[in-house]
Amino acid sequence: MEKIVQKIDSLSELTGKSVSWLTLVLVLITCYDVITRYIFQSSSVAIVELEWHLFAVIFLVGAAYTLNMRIMLGLIFFTQSSLRRHKR
């Protein structure tokens, strides 16, 4: 059972790090959309839809990674605070 959990965690970490690059792509596409909309007075519905779809993928796929990291950070915080209490 431990091996399965480790494989799921490693898959979650891999997808989380991969999705972080999609965030950069989303920022670049959004900048392109803003420039074309406000400087050139031209907008594309396809670009806006692409932004929303990328955001959905980032949110849904990155959620597992975020939850996994938050749990780890929570455990680190808990163990550090309990160690401080025992040292007093």
N, C-alpha and C. Protein backbone atom coordinates (compact mmCIF):
# COMPACT_ATOMS: atom_id res chain seq x y z
N MET A 1 0.82 -1.19 0.00
CA MET A 1 0.00 0.00 0.00
C MET A 1 0.87 1.26 0.00
N GLU A 2 1.99 1.19 0.71
CA GLU A 2 2.90 2.34 0.79
C GLU A 2 3.48 2.68 -0.58
N LYS A 3 3.78 1.66 -1.39
CA LYS A 3 4.32 1.90 -2.74
C LYS A 3 3.30 2.61 -3.62
N ILE A 4 2.05 2.24 -3.48
CA ILE A 4 0.99 2.88 -4.27
C ILE A 4 0.87 4.35 -3.89
N VAL A 5 0.90 4.63 -2.60
CA VAL A 5 0.80 6.01 -2.14
C VAL A 5 2.00 6.82 -2.63
N GLN A 6 3.19 6.25 -2.59
CA GLN A 6 4.38 6.94 -3.07
C GLN A 6 4.31 7.21 -4.57
N LYS A 7 3.77 6.25 -5.34
CA LYS A 7 3.63 6.45 -6.78
C LYS A 7 2.61 7.55 -7.08
N ILE A 8 1.52 7.57 -6.33
CA ILE A 8 0.52 8.62 -6.52
C ILE A 8 1.09 9.97 -6.16
N ASP A 9 1.86 10.04 -5.08
CA ASP A 9 2.50 11.30 -4.69
C ASP A 9 3.50 11.77 -5.73
N SER A 10 4.28 10.85 -6.28
CA SER A 10 5.26 11.24 -7.30
C SER A 10 4.56 11.69 -8.58
N LEU A 11 3.45 11.03 -8.94
CA LEU A 11 2.67 11.46 -10.10
C LEU A 11 2.08 12.84 -9.87
N SER A 12 1.58 13.07 -8.66
CA SER A 12 1.04 14.37 -8.31
C SER A 12 2.11 15.45 -8.40
N GLU A 13 3.30 15.14 -7.92
CA GLU A 13 4.40 16.12 -7.98
C GLU A 13 4.81 16.40 -9.42
N LEU A 14 4.87 15.37 -10.24
CA LEU A 14 5.23 15.55 -11.65
C LEU A 14 4.20 16.40 -12.38
N THR A 15 2.93 16.10 -12.18
CA THR A 15 1.90 16.89 -12.85
C THR A 15 1.87 18.32 -12.31
N GLY A 16 2.09 18.49 -11.02
CA GLY A 16 2.12 19.84 -10.45
C GLY A 16 3.23 20.68 -11.03
N LYS A 17 4.39 20.11 -11.18
CA LYS A 17 5.51 20.85 -11.76
C LYS A 17 5.30 21.10 -13.25
N SER A 18 4.65 20.17 -13.94
CA SER A 18 4.33 20.38 -15.35
C SER A 18 3.31 21.49 -15.53
N VAL A 19 2.32 21.51 -14.66
CA VAL A 19 1.28 22.52 -14.75
C VAL A 19 1.85 23.91 -14.44
N SER A 20 2.90 23.98 -13.66
CA SER A 20 3.48 25.29 -13.38
C SER A 20 3.98 25.96 -14.66
N TRP A 21 4.41 25.17 -15.63
CA TRP A 21 4.82 25.74 -16.92
C TRP A 21 3.61 26.22 -17.70
N LEU A 22 2.47 25.56 -17.52
CA LEU A 22 1.25 26.04 -18.18
C LEU A 22 0.84 27.40 -17.65
N THR A 23 1.19 27.69 -16.41
CA THR A 23 0.89 29.00 -15.84
C THR A 23 1.64 30.08 -16.60
N LEU A 24 2.89 29.82 -16.94
CA LEU A 24 3.67 30.77 -17.74
C LEU A 24 3.03 30.96 -19.11
N VAL A 25 2.59 29.88 -19.73
CA VAL A 25 1.92 29.97 -21.02
C VAL A 25 0.65 30.80 -20.90
N LEU A 26 -0.11 30.60 -19.83
CA LEU A 26 -1.34 31.36 -19.62
C LEU A 26 -1.04 32.85 -19.46
N VAL A 27 0.01 33.19 -18.75
CA VAL A 27 0.39 34.60 -18.58
C VAL A 27 0.75 35.22 -19.93
N LEU A 28 1.50 34.51 -20.74
CA LEU A 28 1.89 35.03 -22.05
C LEU A 28 0.69 35.21 -22.96
N ILE A 29 -0.24 34.26 -22.95
CA ILE A 29 -1.44 34.37 -23.77
C ILE A 29 -2.30 35.53 -23.30
N THR A 30 -2.40 35.71 -21.99
CA THR A 30 -3.18 36.81 -21.45
C THR A 30 -2.56 38.15 -21.83
N CYS A 31 -1.24 38.25 -21.77
CA CYS A 31 -0.56 39.48 -22.19
C CYS A 31 -0.83 39.76 -23.67
N TYR A 32 -0.77 38.74 -24.49
CA TYR A 32 -1.08 38.89 -25.91
C TYR A 32 -2.51 39.39 -26.10
N ASP A 33 -3.44 38.81 -25.35
CA ASP A 33 -4.84 39.20 -25.45
C ASP A 33 -5.03 40.66 -25.05
N VAL A 34 -4.39 41.07 -23.98
CA VAL A 34 -4.52 42.46 -23.52
C VAL A 34 -3.92 43.42 -24.54
N ILE A 35 -2.76 43.09 -25.08
CA ILE A 35 -2.13 43.96 -26.08
C ILE A 35 -2.99 44.09 -27.32
N THR A 36 -3.50 42.96 -27.82
CA THR A 36 -4.32 43.05 -29.03
C THR A 36 -5.65 43.75 -28.77
N ARG A 37 -6.18 43.60 -27.58
CA ARG A 37 -7.47 44.21 -27.28
C ARG A 37 -7.36 45.72 -27.10
N TYR A 38 -6.39 46.18 -26.34
CA TYR A 38 -6.34 47.60 -25.99
C TYR A 38 -5.44 48.44 -26.91
N ILE A 39 -4.44 47.84 -27.51
CA ILE A 39 -3.58 48.62 -28.39
C ILE A 39 -4.07 48.55 -29.84
N PHE A 40 -4.44 47.36 -30.28
CA PHE A 40 -4.86 47.19 -31.67
C PHE A 40 -6.37 47.13 -31.84
N GLN A 41 -7.14 47.29 -30.78
CA GLN A 41 -8.61 47.23 -30.80
C GLN A 41 -9.13 46.00 -31.55
N SER A 42 -8.48 44.89 -31.31
CA SER A 42 -8.89 43.64 -31.93
C SER A 42 -8.87 42.55 -30.86
N SER A 43 -9.91 41.75 -30.84
CA SER A 43 -9.96 40.69 -29.86
C SER A 43 -10.45 39.40 -30.51
N SER A 44 -10.06 38.31 -29.92
CA SER A 44 -10.45 37.01 -30.45
C SER A 44 -11.14 36.20 -29.36
N VAL A 45 -12.29 35.68 -29.69
CA VAL A 45 -13.02 34.85 -28.73
C VAL A 45 -12.25 33.56 -28.47
N ALA A 46 -11.55 33.07 -29.48
CA ALA A 46 -10.78 31.84 -29.33
C ALA A 46 -9.67 32.01 -28.29
N ILE A 47 -9.03 33.18 -28.27
CA ILE A 47 -7.97 33.42 -27.28
C ILE A 47 -8.56 33.46 -25.88
N VAL A 48 -9.69 34.11 -25.73
CA VAL A 48 -10.34 34.17 -24.40
C VAL A 48 -10.75 32.77 -23.95
N GLU A 49 -11.28 31.99 -24.84
CA GLU A 49 -11.65 30.61 -24.50
C GLU A 49 -10.42 29.78 -24.14
N LEU A 50 -9.32 29.99 -24.86
CA LEU A 50 -8.08 29.29 -24.54
C LEU A 50 -7.59 29.66 -23.14
N GLU A 51 -7.72 30.94 -22.79
CA GLU A 51 -7.34 31.37 -21.44
C GLU A 51 -8.16 30.64 -20.39
N TRP A 52 -9.47 30.57 -20.58
CA TRP A 52 -10.34 29.90 -19.60
C TRP A 52 -10.05 28.41 -19.51
N HIS A 53 -9.79 27.78 -20.65
CA HIS A 53 -9.51 26.35 -20.62
C HIS A 53 -8.16 26.06 -19.95
N LEU A 54 -7.16 26.87 -20.23
CA LEU A 54 -5.88 26.69 -19.56
C LEU A 54 -6.00 26.92 -18.05
N PHE A 55 -6.78 27.94 -17.68
CA PHE A 55 -6.98 28.19 -16.26
C PHE A 55 -7.65 26.99 -15.58
N ALA A 56 -8.64 26.40 -16.25
CA ALA A 56 -9.33 25.24 -15.68
C ALA A 56 -8.37 24.06 -15.51
N VAL A 57 -7.53 23.82 -16.51
CA VAL A 57 -6.57 22.72 -16.42
C VAL A 57 -5.58 22.98 -15.28
N ILE A 58 -5.09 24.22 -15.20
CA ILE A 58 -4.14 24.56 -14.13
C ILE A 58 -4.78 24.36 -12.77
N PHE A 59 -6.00 24.82 -12.62
CA PHE A 59 -6.68 24.71 -11.33
C PHE A 59 -6.96 23.26 -10.96
N LEU A 60 -7.53 22.50 -11.88
CA LEU A 60 -7.93 21.13 -11.56
C LEU A 60 -6.75 20.19 -11.41
N VAL A 61 -5.78 20.28 -12.29
CA VAL A 61 -4.64 19.37 -12.22
C VAL A 61 -3.68 19.81 -11.11
N GLY A 62 -3.54 21.10 -10.93
CA GLY A 62 -2.65 21.59 -9.90
C GLY A 62 -3.21 21.48 -8.50
N ALA A 63 -4.50 21.23 -8.36
CA ALA A 63 -5.11 21.14 -7.02
C ALA A 63 -4.53 19.98 -6.22
N ALA A 64 -4.32 18.85 -6.84
CA ALA A 64 -3.77 17.69 -6.12
C ALA A 64 -2.36 18.00 -5.62
N TYR A 65 -1.57 18.64 -6.44
CA TYR A 65 -0.21 19.00 -6.04
C TYR A 65 -0.24 20.01 -4.89
N THR A 66 -1.12 20.99 -5.01
CA THR A 66 -1.23 22.01 -3.96
C THR A 66 -1.67 21.39 -2.65
N LEU A 67 -2.65 20.53 -2.70
CA LEU A 67 -3.10 19.87 -1.47
C LEU A 67 -2.00 19.01 -0.87
N ASN A 68 -1.28 18.32 -1.70
CA ASN A 68 -0.18 17.48 -1.23
C ASN A 68 0.89 18.33 -0.56
N MET A 69 1.26 19.45 -1.17
CA MET A 69 2.28 20.32 -0.60
C MET A 69 1.78 21.00 0.67
N ARG A 70 0.51 21.35 0.72
CA ARG A 70 -0.04 21.99 1.91
C ARG A 70 -0.02 21.03 3.10
N ILE A 71 -0.34 19.79 2.83
CA ILE A 71 -0.30 18.79 3.91
C ILE A 71 1.13 18.65 4.41
N MET A 72 2.08 18.60 3.48
CA MET A 72 3.48 18.48 3.88
C MET A 72 3.91 19.70 4.68
N LEU A 73 3.55 20.89 4.23
CA LEU A 73 3.91 22.10 4.96
C LEU A 73 3.22 22.14 6.32
N GLY A 74 1.98 21.65 6.39
CA GLY A 74 1.29 21.59 7.67
C GLY A 74 1.97 20.64 8.63
N LEU A 75 2.45 19.52 8.12
CA LEU A 75 3.17 18.58 8.98
C LEU A 75 4.48 19.16 9.45
N ILE A 76 5.18 19.87 8.58
CA ILE A 76 6.44 20.51 8.98
C ILE A 76 6.18 21.53 10.07
N PHE A 77 5.14 22.35 9.89
CA PHE A 77 4.80 23.36 10.88
C PHE A 77 4.43 22.71 12.21
N PHE A 78 3.63 21.63 12.14
CA PHE A 78 3.20 20.95 13.35
C PHE A 78 4.38 20.35 14.10
N THR A 79 5.28 19.70 13.38
CA THR A 79 6.42 19.07 14.05
C THR A 79 7.37 20.12 14.62
N GLN A 80 7.57 21.22 13.91
CA GLN A 80 8.45 22.27 14.43
C GLN A 80 7.86 22.92 15.67
N SER A 81 6.56 23.18 15.64
CA SER A 81 5.94 23.81 16.81
C SER A 81 5.91 22.86 17.99
N SER A 82 5.72 21.57 17.77
CA SER A 82 5.72 20.62 18.88
C SER A 82 7.13 20.44 19.44
N LEU A 83 8.15 20.53 18.56
CA LEU A 83 9.53 20.45 19.05
C LEU A 83 9.87 21.66 19.91
N ARG A 84 9.37 22.82 19.54
CA ARG A 84 9.63 24.02 20.32
C ARG A 84 8.99 23.91 21.71
N ARG A 85 7.79 23.33 21.77
CA ARG A 85 7.12 23.17 23.05
C ARG A 85 7.88 22.22 23.95
N HIS A 86 8.44 21.16 23.38
CA HIS A 86 9.16 20.17 24.19
C HIS A 86 10.53 20.67 24.65
N LYS A 87 11.10 21.63 23.94
CA LYS A 87 12.40 22.16 24.32
C LYS A 87 12.30 23.10 25.51
N ARG A 88 11.15 23.69 25.74
CA ARG A 88 10.99 24.65 26.84
C ARG A 88 11.03 24.01 28.16
